[in-house]
Structures are given as structure tokens and as C-alpha cells.
Amino acid sequence: MNIPSRYWRRRLETAMTCPSTSVGVNCCQFACCIPSVPGIDFPIGLYPDWMGNLIQSCPEVALADLVIPGTHDSGSYSIDGFKPFAAVGRTQNVSVLEQMHRGARFLDIRVAGGGKDLVSIWHGCLQGASLDAILADVHSFCQDFPNEFLIIELVAEFGRDFSPEQKLKCLDLVKERLGDKIFVEDDIKKVLTTPVKQLTDSGKQVCVLVHNRMYEKFEVDGVDYNEKQIVEKYGFFNSSAWMRSKWHNTREVNQLMEWNLEEVKAEGKKGKFLNNQLCLTPGVAGAKDIANLVLGWGSLQPARMVGSMYNPPQKFSTPLLHTFFQKNADENWNIVMLDYIDLCPALMSLLVGFNFSPFEIVLATVQYGNPNFYRPSMSVTSKVQSHVLRNKVLFLNVGKDFGTNFGTLTLAYRVRDKYYSIVIHFDGSSTIVLNEYNHMQAGSKEIPIADGEEEGTFNPLGGGTVLNWTKTDGTVEFDFDSPF
């Protein structure tokens, strides 16, 4: 979709926020106006093969080393929007298949009985698609991308009817659909430390974890399906033993970020998966909250709540979750679980990019103003270099970092001993995320530096700055001219 149509869709969705959120207007909280356009424009939103790409350049990387994007209540997208309170129950806009294409490698699958012999997705009292439909998406993705590895947690939804026979049906479905792709060795250290390439080369693409509630009252035909029995029969593991995952139960953004930061500092790299749940929880604390909900000034809808984390609070400012990861990029993040991942494409690109090779800015220039007129180039190399997080991802929120309406940024940078250049036309709402995985998709061009040559010029075109390079004793340095 082109930018103008996205702009008007975003304006329309913003205008509809108060009426559709208001309990006084939309008393049954139908999911009739859920936002579908991110608050910031970001050109790249798909990462279907990021692990496969990564293991080609870093064949020894293991799951314990990775930052893994995940989705909360992954199947809730399938809840019918015209069911009462669907807008409260939904936490995703897009299918599980699209979530994986957008980079998610952890899936939170909430299930319960959906009829006599049916197992369905549930969130609270709201029923979604059949589990079999979700597993079909997972199987299809694994077939199409054999070098990707997924972590799936099966959660018996709290308070829903889930008979022992239906629980057994659930486990049988997962085993039947995913079969030999499941990692079945009861060794958390092995799954964490074995190179991902080695796991996927052996055909293993999925680790299945089972929430504690699944074990409750689970006896069929005299067989007690306890933790040991399920490991032996299915190769599915107790998630509380294999993963630290704490629900923070807050609707306050700053509190949520503070608690997650404390958790990653205390629990990172402790011999199990760490799932940081960066998800807000709807709630009502008193008469003031009730009044705000009736008037539409407050919301029970996760889609509205994430806007306080994903969108800039004002012009030329940075989304709170962007600032949070800028400040805390070097922590031992492992799984990062999010709501509505289609509404935070820049953040998804950042999390994926944390896993790739060093990204070294060697020259950065900016030209402010209209690209149709001559504009002098100014060096901003030091400023841009300071926004390379973990030495792996360039993460710029242009409005805050440059404080301007529009301009042109020209970059020269190095990735794995090759030099590249890109020209980026930006405005005050732009977010720039570049890393080894996405930079060619974004329009970068390799700067040809042949053996034996000692100097040269590269014109990146597109109104960018002409780059000059010199090579001395194998070291390449860059300078620039302004275009006319």
C-alpha cells in the first residue's frame, strides 16, 4: 500500500478511536475499528527466513544467543470481530502464518475444548479457530522455511472447560501435524546450546512446551498424563521447567518496562528460555476508569493500549518502547513477547537485527530541505554511529534525532568486510532501522572497491551525497562531496 493511502487510513482509524473504544458507544466492544496501520511508516515488515539467513553467516549461533520475537495469544486474531467483547479478547491482527512471516518465532497458543471432539483457540470466554487450523499454518511455514526454528507453548486457557479427552486430542494433534519436526530430547541445555543450523539440518524445527494447567486433572483410560508421561510419549516439556515467563498484570507502560528490565537483569542466561512479556493488561480500578471507558478516553482494547508503547506521543518524539530498547539494548534479551506485531514493524526489525553481524557506519551525511534544490551536505557521522545498537543495528527515530520535517540521509557502512551505501529520504515521523538482514531490501548498493585500486568515487544517486574513498595499507576511508 502506498504512503498517501496509509496516511488517510491512519487518520481515519485515529478519528474512530474514541467512538469505537467508548463503552457508551460500542457497549459490546465489537472489533469493528481495530487499528491496522502502524503509527509510524516503515517499509520492511516481513522476515520469513531470518534464522535461515543468520545461520549462513553465523553457523554456530544457538537459541540461547538469540533475541526471539514472539506473539502473545497468537491465535486470538481468529476471534470473530462481531462477537461481544471481541476487541478486548483480540491481541493480534494477523494470522499465525503471517506472524511467523513477520519474524515471530515464539507462539503463545491458548486452547480449550471447543465442542465434543474439538480443540479450539480461546482467550477468556471468546472462542477462535480450531487448533488444527493453527497447526496447519505452522506446518506450512516449516515446510516452506526449513531453516527456521519455533518455540510453541500450549496453554490451557484459564477457566475454560477442557476435558482430559480433549487435552489428549490437543497433544495428539500437535504430534500428528508436526511429527518429526519436533525436538524431543529432554535436555534444555542441548536445545539452548546446539547451533540452530545443526538442529534444522537434522530436521528439528519446533520445541513444544506445555503450561502447568495442562497437567491438571489429566487422566484418560487409567493413564495419568503427568509431566513424565507427556515427555515420554510426545516429547513435549513443562514450560515452567524450561522457560521463565512472568505475567506482569499492569496497564501502566512505565511499570511494565521497569518490571521487564528488572526481570531480564535478574534472569537472563540462567539456563532456560526467558520470555519477557511486554504486554499491557486491560483493567478497571474505580469510578474514574469507568467514566473514561464510557467516554472513550480510556480503553479495554489491547489494540488501543499498545499505541501508548508503539506510537510517538507527540510530533518529533520517540515511541516509549523504542526508547526502552535504545537504552537497554545490551541486556540478555531472549524471547520478547508482543501484542499486535503488525503495528510495530520497526521494533520487529530491531529485535531481528540484534542477532546479525556487526554494522559499522563509516560515513553519514545529511542534507536538509527539499531534494529538488541544491542543499549542502553536512557530516553527521558521529551522531549516526551513536545510534548503532549492540554494534549491529542502526536505529534512528528521525524526528527526535534530527529534529526536522524532512531531508536526505546518505550512509556508507561496512558489513562483513564489504562496503555499502544507501540514500534515505526522511520526514519527521520516519524511523530508520538497518541491519545485515534488511539493508539490501531497503535499497542499499555495494560500493565496488577492487583489489589494487587505491581511490575512487561512488555516486549513490537518488539525490544523495557523492562519496570518495581512499585505501591505504588495506584500510578504507571515506569523504564526501555535495551534489549539484
Protein backbone atom coordinates (compact mmCIF):
# COMPACT_ATOMS: atom_id res chain seq x y z
CA MET A 1 0.00 0.00 0.00
CA ASN A 2 1.34 3.45 -0.90
CA ILE A 3 2.10 6.05 1.73
CA PRO A 4 -0.77 8.50 0.94
CA SER A 5 -3.43 5.80 1.33
CA ARG A 6 -1.73 4.58 4.52
CA TYR A 7 -1.75 8.16 5.79
CA TRP A 8 -5.50 8.57 5.24
CA ARG A 9 -6.28 5.16 6.68
CA ARG A 10 -4.29 6.07 9.77
CA ARG A 11 -6.16 9.41 10.04
CA LEU A 12 -9.50 7.60 9.75
CA GLU A 13 -8.54 4.99 12.35
CA THR A 14 -7.37 7.73 14.71
CA ALA A 15 -10.66 9.58 14.28
CA MET A 16 -12.59 6.40 15.04
CA THR A 17 -10.57 5.56 18.16
CA CYS A 18 -12.75 7.33 20.70
CA PRO A 19 -16.17 6.16 19.38
CA SER A 20 -15.13 2.52 18.92
CA THR A 21 -13.31 2.41 22.25
CA SER A 22 -16.12 4.07 24.17
CA VAL A 23 -18.24 1.62 26.15
CA GLY A 24 -21.02 4.17 25.84
CA VAL A 25 -21.00 3.92 22.02
CA ASN A 26 -19.61 0.43 21.39
CA CYS A 27 -21.12 -1.14 24.51
CA CYS A 28 -20.36 -4.70 23.40
CA GLN A 29 -16.81 -3.80 22.33
CA PHE A 30 -17.09 -5.30 18.85
CA ALA A 31 -13.78 -5.34 16.99
CA CYS A 32 -15.10 -3.01 14.32
CA CYS A 33 -12.30 -0.42 14.12
CA ILE A 34 -9.13 -2.16 15.27
CA PRO A 35 -6.05 -0.23 14.03
CA SER A 36 -4.34 -1.93 11.11
CA VAL A 37 -1.82 0.75 10.06
CA PRO A 38 1.27 1.31 12.24
CA GLY A 39 1.62 4.71 13.84
CA ILE A 40 4.93 5.13 12.01
CA ASP A 41 5.73 4.24 8.41
CA PHE A 42 8.35 1.56 8.00
CA PRO A 43 8.97 -0.01 4.58
CA ILE A 44 10.01 -3.55 5.55
CA GLY A 45 7.70 -5.78 7.56
CA LEU A 46 8.47 -9.36 6.55
CA TYR A 47 11.24 -11.59 7.95
CA PRO A 48 10.21 -15.12 6.91
CA ASP A 49 13.71 -16.56 6.71
CA TRP A 50 15.72 -14.53 9.18
CA MET A 51 17.07 -17.55 11.05
CA GLY A 52 17.99 -19.32 7.83
CA ASN A 53 19.77 -16.18 6.67
CA LEU A 54 21.53 -15.80 10.01
CA ILE A 55 22.90 -19.34 10.18
CA GLN A 56 24.54 -18.93 6.78
CA SER A 57 26.75 -16.15 8.12
CA CYS A 58 26.85 -17.31 11.78
CA PRO A 59 26.60 -21.14 11.67
CA GLU A 60 27.46 -21.55 15.38
CA VAL A 61 24.68 -19.34 16.74
CA ALA A 62 22.34 -21.10 19.22
CA LEU A 63 18.90 -20.29 20.63
CA ALA A 64 20.44 -19.09 23.89
CA ASP A 65 22.30 -16.40 21.92
CA LEU A 66 19.26 -15.08 20.07
CA VAL A 67 16.71 -12.34 20.59
CA ILE A 68 13.49 -14.09 19.53
CA PRO A 69 10.34 -12.06 18.77
CA GLY A 70 7.14 -13.73 20.00
CA THR A 71 3.42 -13.13 19.95
CA HIS A 72 1.01 -13.06 22.89
CA ASP A 73 -2.25 -15.02 22.47
CA SER A 74 -1.08 -15.84 18.98
CA GLY A 75 -4.36 -17.40 17.83
CA SER A 76 -6.64 -14.60 19.06
CA TYR A 77 -6.67 -12.96 15.60
CA SER A 78 -9.22 -15.67 14.71
CA ILE A 79 -11.87 -14.46 17.18
CA ASP A 80 -14.86 -13.22 15.18
CA GLY A 81 -14.86 -9.42 15.33
CA PHE A 82 -18.62 -9.29 15.77
CA LYS A 83 -18.64 -11.36 18.93
CA PRO A 84 -19.31 -9.26 22.05
CA PHE A 85 -16.03 -8.06 23.57
CA ALA A 86 -14.00 -9.33 20.60
CA ALA A 87 -11.97 -6.09 20.70
CA VAL A 88 -10.95 -6.92 24.28
CA GLY A 89 -10.07 -10.52 23.50
CA ARG A 90 -8.05 -9.98 20.36
CA THR A 91 -4.34 -9.32 20.76
CA GLN A 92 -3.25 -9.91 17.15
CA ASN A 93 -4.49 -8.65 13.78
CA VAL A 94 -2.78 -11.16 11.53
CA SER A 95 -2.78 -14.94 11.21
CA VAL A 96 -0.20 -17.17 12.86
CA LEU A 97 1.28 -17.75 9.40
CA GLU A 98 1.71 -14.03 8.86
CA GLN A 99 3.07 -13.59 12.40
CA MET A 100 5.84 -16.04 11.51
CA HIS A 101 6.44 -14.25 8.22
CA ARG A 102 6.78 -11.04 10.24
CA GLY A 103 9.54 -12.60 12.33
CA ALA A 104 7.80 -14.24 15.31
CA ARG A 105 9.47 -17.48 16.40
CA PHE A 106 7.66 -17.93 19.72
CA LEU A 107 3.93 -18.70 19.68
CA ASP A 108 1.64 -18.50 22.71
CA ILE A 109 -1.19 -20.92 21.85
CA ARG A 110 -4.15 -20.72 24.29
CA VAL A 111 -6.53 -23.68 23.91
CA ALA A 112 -9.54 -25.40 25.47
CA GLY A 113 -12.44 -27.58 24.41
CA GLY A 114 -14.46 -26.26 21.52
CA GLY A 115 -17.13 -28.95 21.37
CA LYS A 116 -17.35 -32.70 21.88
CA ASP A 117 -14.22 -33.61 19.91
CA LEU A 118 -12.89 -30.16 19.03
CA VAL A 119 -9.94 -28.25 20.46
CA SER A 120 -10.09 -24.52 19.79
CA ILE A 121 -8.24 -21.30 20.38
CA TRP A 122 -9.62 -19.37 23.35
CA HIS A 123 -8.91 -16.07 25.04
CA GLY A 124 -11.05 -15.73 28.13
CA CYS A 125 -14.63 -16.51 27.13
CA LEU A 126 -14.00 -15.92 23.42
CA GLN A 127 -13.52 -18.84 21.05
CA GLY A 128 -11.42 -18.63 17.91
CA ALA A 129 -10.25 -21.03 15.21
CA SER A 130 -9.66 -24.73 15.64
CA LEU A 131 -6.23 -25.75 16.86
CA ASP A 132 -5.88 -27.88 13.74
CA ALA A 133 -6.12 -24.77 11.54
CA ILE A 134 -3.37 -23.06 13.51
CA LEU A 135 -1.14 -26.14 13.31
CA ALA A 136 -1.70 -26.30 9.56
CA ASP A 137 -0.17 -22.81 9.32
CA VAL A 138 2.80 -23.88 11.45
CA HIS A 139 3.37 -26.98 9.35
CA SER A 140 3.13 -25.00 6.13
CA PHE A 141 5.66 -22.46 7.38
CA CYS A 142 8.12 -25.17 8.44
CA GLN A 143 7.81 -26.79 5.03
CA ASP A 144 8.46 -23.50 3.23
CA PHE A 145 11.31 -22.40 5.52
CA PRO A 146 13.20 -25.48 6.71
CA ASN A 147 15.97 -23.46 8.41
CA GLU A 148 13.63 -21.68 10.86
CA PHE A 149 13.11 -22.88 14.46
CA LEU A 150 9.96 -22.25 16.51
CA ILE A 151 9.12 -22.43 20.22
CA ILE A 152 5.45 -23.15 20.90
CA GLU A 153 3.82 -23.01 24.32
CA LEU A 154 0.49 -24.85 24.68
CA VAL A 155 -1.56 -23.16 27.39
CA ALA A 156 -4.85 -24.50 28.76
CA GLU A 157 -6.92 -21.32 28.88
CA PHE A 158 -7.86 -20.35 32.43
CA GLY A 159 -11.45 -21.04 33.44
CA ARG A 160 -12.50 -22.88 30.25
CA ASP A 161 -13.83 -26.42 30.03
CA PHE A 162 -11.09 -28.73 28.84
CA SER A 163 -11.79 -32.41 29.41
CA PRO A 164 -8.97 -34.96 29.72
CA GLU A 165 -10.03 -36.43 26.38
CA GLN A 166 -9.82 -33.01 24.71
CA LYS A 167 -6.39 -32.41 26.25
CA LEU A 168 -5.24 -35.72 24.81
CA LYS A 169 -6.72 -34.73 21.46
CA CYS A 170 -4.73 -31.48 21.67
CA LEU A 171 -1.43 -33.25 22.22
CA ASP A 172 -2.22 -35.83 19.54
CA LEU A 173 -3.00 -33.07 17.02
CA VAL A 174 0.31 -31.32 17.65
CA LYS A 175 2.25 -34.58 17.36
CA GLU A 176 0.36 -35.60 14.22
CA ARG A 177 0.76 -32.26 12.46
CA LEU A 178 4.39 -31.52 13.33
CA GLY A 179 5.74 -35.05 13.78
CA ASP A 180 9.43 -35.44 13.05
CA LYS A 181 9.98 -31.68 13.13
CA ILE A 182 9.63 -31.68 16.93
CA PHE A 183 12.74 -31.57 19.12
CA VAL A 184 12.07 -34.41 21.59
CA GLU A 185 15.23 -34.76 23.68
CA ASP A 186 14.61 -33.99 27.34
CA ASP A 187 17.65 -31.74 27.65
CA ILE A 188 17.11 -27.98 27.96
CA LYS A 189 20.85 -27.34 27.78
CA LYS A 190 21.04 -29.12 24.45
CA VAL A 191 18.25 -27.16 22.80
CA LEU A 192 19.70 -23.89 24.11
CA THR A 193 23.31 -24.50 23.12
CA THR A 194 23.16 -26.65 20.00
CA PRO A 195 23.70 -24.44 16.92
CA VAL A 196 20.40 -23.67 15.22
CA LYS A 197 21.94 -24.84 11.94
CA GLN A 198 22.64 -28.24 13.46
CA LEU A 199 19.07 -28.50 14.78
CA THR A 200 17.43 -27.59 11.49
CA ASP A 201 19.87 -29.62 9.38
CA SER A 202 18.69 -32.65 11.36
CA GLY A 203 15.08 -31.77 10.58
CA LYS A 204 14.18 -30.34 14.01
CA GLN A 205 12.26 -27.07 13.78
CA VAL A 206 9.90 -26.96 16.76
CA CYS A 207 10.23 -27.15 20.54
CA VAL A 208 6.85 -27.71 22.24
CA LEU A 209 6.33 -26.53 25.81
CA VAL A 210 3.28 -27.35 27.95
CA HIS A 211 1.89 -24.95 30.56
CA ASN A 212 1.26 -26.30 34.07
CA ARG A 213 -2.54 -26.04 33.71
CA MET A 214 -2.44 -28.72 31.02
CA TYR A 215 -1.42 -31.33 33.62
CA GLU A 216 -4.38 -30.64 35.93
CA LYS A 217 -6.99 -33.46 36.12
CA PHE A 218 -5.47 -35.16 33.10
CA GLU A 219 -6.21 -38.88 33.29
CA VAL A 220 -7.55 -40.94 30.38
CA ASP A 221 -8.27 -44.68 30.47
CA GLY A 222 -6.37 -45.05 33.73
CA VAL A 223 -3.26 -43.27 32.41
CA ASP A 224 -2.12 -40.20 34.34
CA TYR A 225 -0.71 -37.77 31.79
CA ASN A 226 1.75 -36.08 34.09
CA GLU A 227 4.93 -34.30 33.09
CA LYS A 228 6.97 -37.50 32.76
CA GLN A 229 4.31 -39.33 30.74
CA ILE A 230 3.92 -36.45 28.27
CA VAL A 231 7.69 -36.18 27.80
CA GLU A 232 7.98 -39.91 27.13
CA LYS A 233 5.00 -40.17 24.78
CA TYR A 234 5.15 -36.84 22.96
CA GLY A 235 8.48 -35.12 23.63
CA PHE A 236 6.70 -32.01 24.98
CA PHE A 237 8.24 -30.33 28.02
CA ASN A 238 6.97 -28.49 31.10
CA SER A 239 7.25 -24.81 30.29
CA SER A 240 7.85 -23.81 33.93
CA ALA A 241 10.98 -26.01 33.94
CA TRP A 242 12.23 -24.86 30.55
CA MET A 243 11.19 -21.20 30.47
CA ARG A 244 10.92 -18.22 32.81
CA SER A 245 7.75 -16.34 31.75
CA LYS A 246 6.12 -13.84 34.09
CA TRP A 247 2.80 -12.10 33.50
CA HIS A 248 3.17 -8.60 34.93
CA ASN A 249 -0.56 -7.73 35.01
CA THR A 250 -0.33 -3.97 34.61
CA ARG A 251 -1.81 -1.33 32.31
CA GLU A 252 0.93 1.19 33.11
CA VAL A 253 3.58 1.35 30.37
CA ASN A 254 6.41 2.61 32.56
CA GLN A 255 5.70 -0.02 35.20
CA LEU A 256 5.65 -2.75 32.56
CA MET A 257 9.01 -1.67 31.16
CA GLU A 258 10.56 -1.32 34.61
CA TRP A 259 9.47 -4.81 35.69
CA ASN A 260 10.69 -6.37 32.44
CA LEU A 261 14.05 -4.66 32.80
CA GLU A 262 14.39 -5.97 36.36
CA GLU A 263 13.47 -9.43 35.13
CA VAL A 264 15.98 -9.57 32.27
CA LYS A 265 18.75 -8.29 34.54
CA ALA A 266 17.99 -10.93 37.15
CA GLU A 267 17.01 -13.91 34.99
CA GLY A 268 18.84 -13.54 31.67
CA LYS A 269 21.01 -16.50 30.61
CA LYS A 270 20.13 -18.68 33.60
CA GLY A 271 19.99 -21.99 31.72
CA LYS A 272 16.42 -21.73 30.43
CA PHE A 273 14.42 -19.65 27.98
CA LEU A 274 13.46 -16.19 29.26
CA ASN A 275 10.18 -14.82 27.93
CA ASN A 276 9.76 -11.10 28.59
CA GLN A 277 6.06 -10.29 28.29
CA LEU A 278 5.87 -6.70 27.06
CA CYS A 279 2.08 -6.81 27.02
CA LEU A 280 -0.32 -4.48 28.80
CA THR A 281 -3.35 -5.87 30.64
CA PRO A 282 -6.75 -4.12 30.50
CA GLY A 283 -8.32 -3.30 33.83
CA VAL A 284 -10.75 -1.08 35.74
CA ALA A 285 -9.71 0.36 39.09
CA GLY A 286 -12.58 2.66 40.04
CA ALA A 287 -15.23 5.21 39.09
CA LYS A 288 -12.80 7.41 37.19
CA ASP A 289 -11.79 4.49 34.96
CA ILE A 290 -15.43 3.63 34.35
CA ALA A 291 -16.17 7.21 33.30
CA ASN A 292 -13.16 7.24 30.96
CA LEU A 293 -14.28 3.96 29.37
CA VAL A 294 -17.81 5.28 28.80
CA LEU A 295 -16.47 8.46 27.20
CA GLY A 296 -13.77 6.71 25.17
CA TRP A 297 -10.86 8.38 26.97
CA GLY A 298 -9.74 5.03 28.32
CA SER A 299 -9.81 1.60 26.74
CA LEU A 300 -10.08 -2.10 27.47
CA GLN A 301 -8.85 -2.89 23.97
CA PRO A 302 -5.26 -4.18 23.66
CA ALA A 303 -5.06 -2.65 20.17
CA ARG A 304 -5.57 0.82 21.68
CA MET A 305 -3.33 0.15 24.65
CA VAL A 306 -0.32 -0.80 22.52
CA GLY A 307 -0.48 2.60 20.87
CA SER A 308 0.95 4.08 24.07
CA MET A 309 4.06 1.94 23.54
CA TYR A 310 4.34 1.75 19.74
CA ASN A 311 3.40 5.27 18.61
CA PRO A 312 5.19 8.61 19.17
CA PRO A 313 3.37 10.50 21.94
CA GLN A 314 3.83 13.75 20.05
CA LYS A 315 5.49 15.17 16.94
CA PHE A 316 9.28 14.72 16.75
CA SER A 317 9.24 12.27 19.66
CA THR A 318 10.09 8.60 20.04
CA PRO A 319 7.74 5.73 20.91
CA LEU A 320 8.28 4.63 24.51
CA LEU A 321 9.22 1.07 23.59
CA HIS A 322 11.77 2.35 21.06
CA THR A 323 13.41 4.46 23.76
CA PHE A 324 13.31 1.50 26.15
CA PHE A 325 15.26 -0.77 23.80
CA GLN A 326 17.66 2.02 22.81
CA LYS A 327 18.62 2.39 26.46
CA ASN A 328 18.65 -1.33 27.25
CA ALA A 329 19.76 -2.96 24.01
CA ASP A 330 22.70 -4.76 25.61
CA GLU A 331 20.67 -6.73 28.16
CA ASN A 332 20.33 -10.50 27.79
CA TRP A 333 17.02 -10.47 25.93
CA ASN A 334 15.87 -13.86 24.71
CA ILE A 335 12.15 -14.13 23.89
CA VAL A 336 10.30 -10.80 23.62
CA MET A 337 6.53 -11.33 23.51
CA LEU A 338 4.33 -8.62 22.00
CA ASP A 339 0.73 -7.83 21.11
CA TYR A 340 -0.22 -6.72 17.59
CA ILE A 341 3.15 -7.22 15.95
CA ASP A 342 1.86 -5.78 12.67
CA LEU A 343 1.59 -2.41 14.45
CA CYS A 344 5.28 -2.28 15.45
CA PRO A 345 7.27 -3.17 12.28
CA ALA A 346 10.27 -1.03 13.20
CA LEU A 347 10.52 -2.72 16.59
CA MET A 348 10.31 -6.17 14.98
CA SER A 349 13.13 -5.20 12.62
CA LEU A 350 15.20 -4.04 15.59
CA LEU A 351 14.71 -7.30 17.51
CA VAL A 352 15.56 -9.43 14.48
CA GLY A 353 18.55 -7.23 13.67
CA PHE A 354 20.03 -7.72 17.15
CA ASN A 355 21.03 -11.21 16.02
CA PHE A 356 23.12 -10.35 12.97
CA SER A 357 26.69 -9.32 12.16
CA PRO A 358 28.30 -6.01 13.19
CA PHE A 359 27.04 -2.97 11.27
CA GLU A 360 29.73 -0.28 11.08
CA ILE A 361 28.88 3.26 9.96
CA VAL A 362 31.94 4.80 8.27
CA LEU A 363 30.34 7.99 6.91
CA ALA A 364 26.97 9.69 7.32
CA THR A 365 25.82 12.95 5.75
CA VAL A 366 22.53 14.81 5.91
CA GLN A 367 21.00 17.35 3.54
CA TYR A 368 18.07 19.25 4.98
CA GLY A 369 15.16 20.54 2.95
CA ASN A 370 13.64 19.96 -0.48
CA PRO A 371 15.59 17.41 -2.58
CA ASN A 372 14.68 19.32 -5.77
CA PHE A 373 17.02 22.15 -4.82
CA TYR A 374 20.73 22.31 -4.06
CA ARG A 375 21.39 21.54 -0.42
CA PRO A 376 24.83 21.36 1.16
CA SER A 377 25.81 18.09 2.82
CA MET A 378 26.81 18.06 6.46
CA SER A 379 28.59 15.26 8.26
CA VAL A 380 26.57 13.55 10.99
CA THR A 381 28.80 10.50 11.24
CA SER A 382 29.33 10.62 14.98
CA LYS A 383 25.64 11.13 15.70
CA VAL A 384 24.58 8.24 13.48
CA GLN A 385 27.31 5.97 14.88
CA SER A 386 25.94 6.58 18.37
CA HIS A 387 22.62 5.06 17.28
CA VAL A 388 24.03 1.70 16.26
CA LEU A 389 22.73 -0.61 18.98
CA ARG A 390 24.72 -3.67 20.05
CA ASN A 391 27.05 -2.66 17.19
CA LYS A 392 24.55 -4.49 14.97
CA VAL A 393 21.52 -2.32 14.20
CA LEU A 394 21.21 1.30 13.14
CA PHE A 395 18.09 2.57 14.93
CA LEU A 396 17.18 6.20 14.25
CA ASN A 397 13.97 7.98 15.19
CA VAL A 398 14.49 10.86 12.80
CA GLY A 399 12.12 13.43 14.31
CA LYS A 400 13.83 13.25 17.68
CA ASP A 401 17.37 12.57 16.49
CA PHE A 402 17.46 15.22 13.74
CA GLY A 403 14.55 17.47 14.73
CA THR A 404 13.45 18.31 11.21
CA ASN A 405 10.50 17.88 8.90
CA PHE A 406 12.37 16.32 6.01
CA GLY A 407 15.77 15.77 4.44
CA THR A 408 18.10 13.18 2.91
CA LEU A 409 20.49 10.90 4.75
CA THR A 410 23.40 9.28 2.90
CA LEU A 411 25.23 6.43 4.60
CA ALA A 412 28.39 4.48 3.86
CA TYR A 413 28.85 1.44 6.04
CA ARG A 414 30.56 -1.91 6.32
CA VAL A 415 29.02 -5.35 6.84
CA ARG A 416 31.25 -8.44 6.82
CA ASP A 417 34.20 -6.76 5.03
CA LYS A 418 32.10 -5.24 2.26
CA TYR A 419 31.12 -1.59 1.92
CA TYR A 420 27.66 -0.35 1.04
CA SER A 421 25.81 2.91 0.57
CA ILE A 422 22.17 3.88 0.89
CA VAL A 423 20.23 7.13 0.37
CA ILE A 424 17.22 7.63 2.63
CA HIS A 425 14.70 10.44 2.20
CA PHE A 426 13.05 11.06 5.54
CA ASP A 427 10.49 13.18 7.30
CA GLY A 428 9.96 13.93 10.95
CA SER A 429 7.95 10.74 11.56
CA SER A 430 10.45 8.35 9.95
CA THR A 431 12.14 5.52 11.79
CA ILE A 432 15.26 4.06 10.18
CA VAL A 433 16.29 0.51 11.06
CA LEU A 434 19.17 -1.06 9.14
CA ASN A 435 20.98 -4.31 9.78
CA GLU A 436 22.67 -7.11 7.90
CA TYR A 437 19.36 -8.84 7.18
CA ASN A 438 17.32 -5.97 5.76
CA HIS A 439 19.76 -3.44 4.32
CA MET A 440 19.67 -4.79 0.77
CA GLN A 441 15.85 -4.92 0.87
CA ALA A 442 15.95 -1.27 1.91
CA GLY A 443 17.80 -0.31 -1.30
CA SER A 444 21.49 -0.41 -0.39
CA LYS A 445 24.13 -0.74 -3.08
CA GLU A 446 27.52 -2.31 -2.71
CA ILE A 447 30.44 0.10 -3.20
CA PRO A 448 32.85 -1.60 -5.60
CA ILE A 449 36.39 -1.46 -4.22
CA ALA A 450 38.60 -3.65 -6.40
CA ASP A 451 41.92 -5.14 -5.33
CA GLY A 452 44.80 -2.93 -6.38
CA GLU A 453 42.75 0.27 -6.52
CA GLU A 454 43.76 2.99 -4.07
CA GLU A 455 40.98 5.54 -4.52
CA GLY A 456 37.63 6.03 -6.16
CA THR A 457 34.30 7.82 -6.23
CA PHE A 458 30.84 6.38 -5.76
CA ASN A 459 27.63 8.20 -6.64
CA PRO A 460 24.69 6.58 -4.81
CA LEU A 461 22.24 8.62 -6.94
CA GLY A 462 18.77 9.45 -5.65
CA GLY A 463 19.87 12.92 -4.60
CA GLY A 464 22.42 11.57 -2.16
CA THR A 465 25.94 12.69 -1.38
CA VAL A 466 28.77 11.66 -3.72
CA LEU A 467 31.26 9.55 -1.77
CA ASN A 468 35.04 9.49 -2.18
CA TRP A 469 37.18 6.67 -0.83
CA THR A 470 40.87 6.04 -0.41
CA LYS A 471 42.62 2.84 0.59
CA THR A 472 45.92 2.85 2.49
CA ASP A 473 47.53 -0.35 3.76
CA GLY A 474 44.23 -2.15 3.42
CA THR A 475 42.27 0.47 5.40
CA VAL A 476 39.45 2.22 3.52
CA GLU A 477 38.45 5.76 4.48
CA PHE A 478 35.55 7.84 3.13
CA ASP A 479 34.98 11.54 2.48
CA PHE A 480 32.23 13.33 0.56
CA ASP A 481 31.23 15.98 -1.97
CA SER A 482 27.88 17.74 -2.22
CA PRO A 483 25.75 17.09 -5.34
CA PHE A 484 24.73 19.95 -7.65
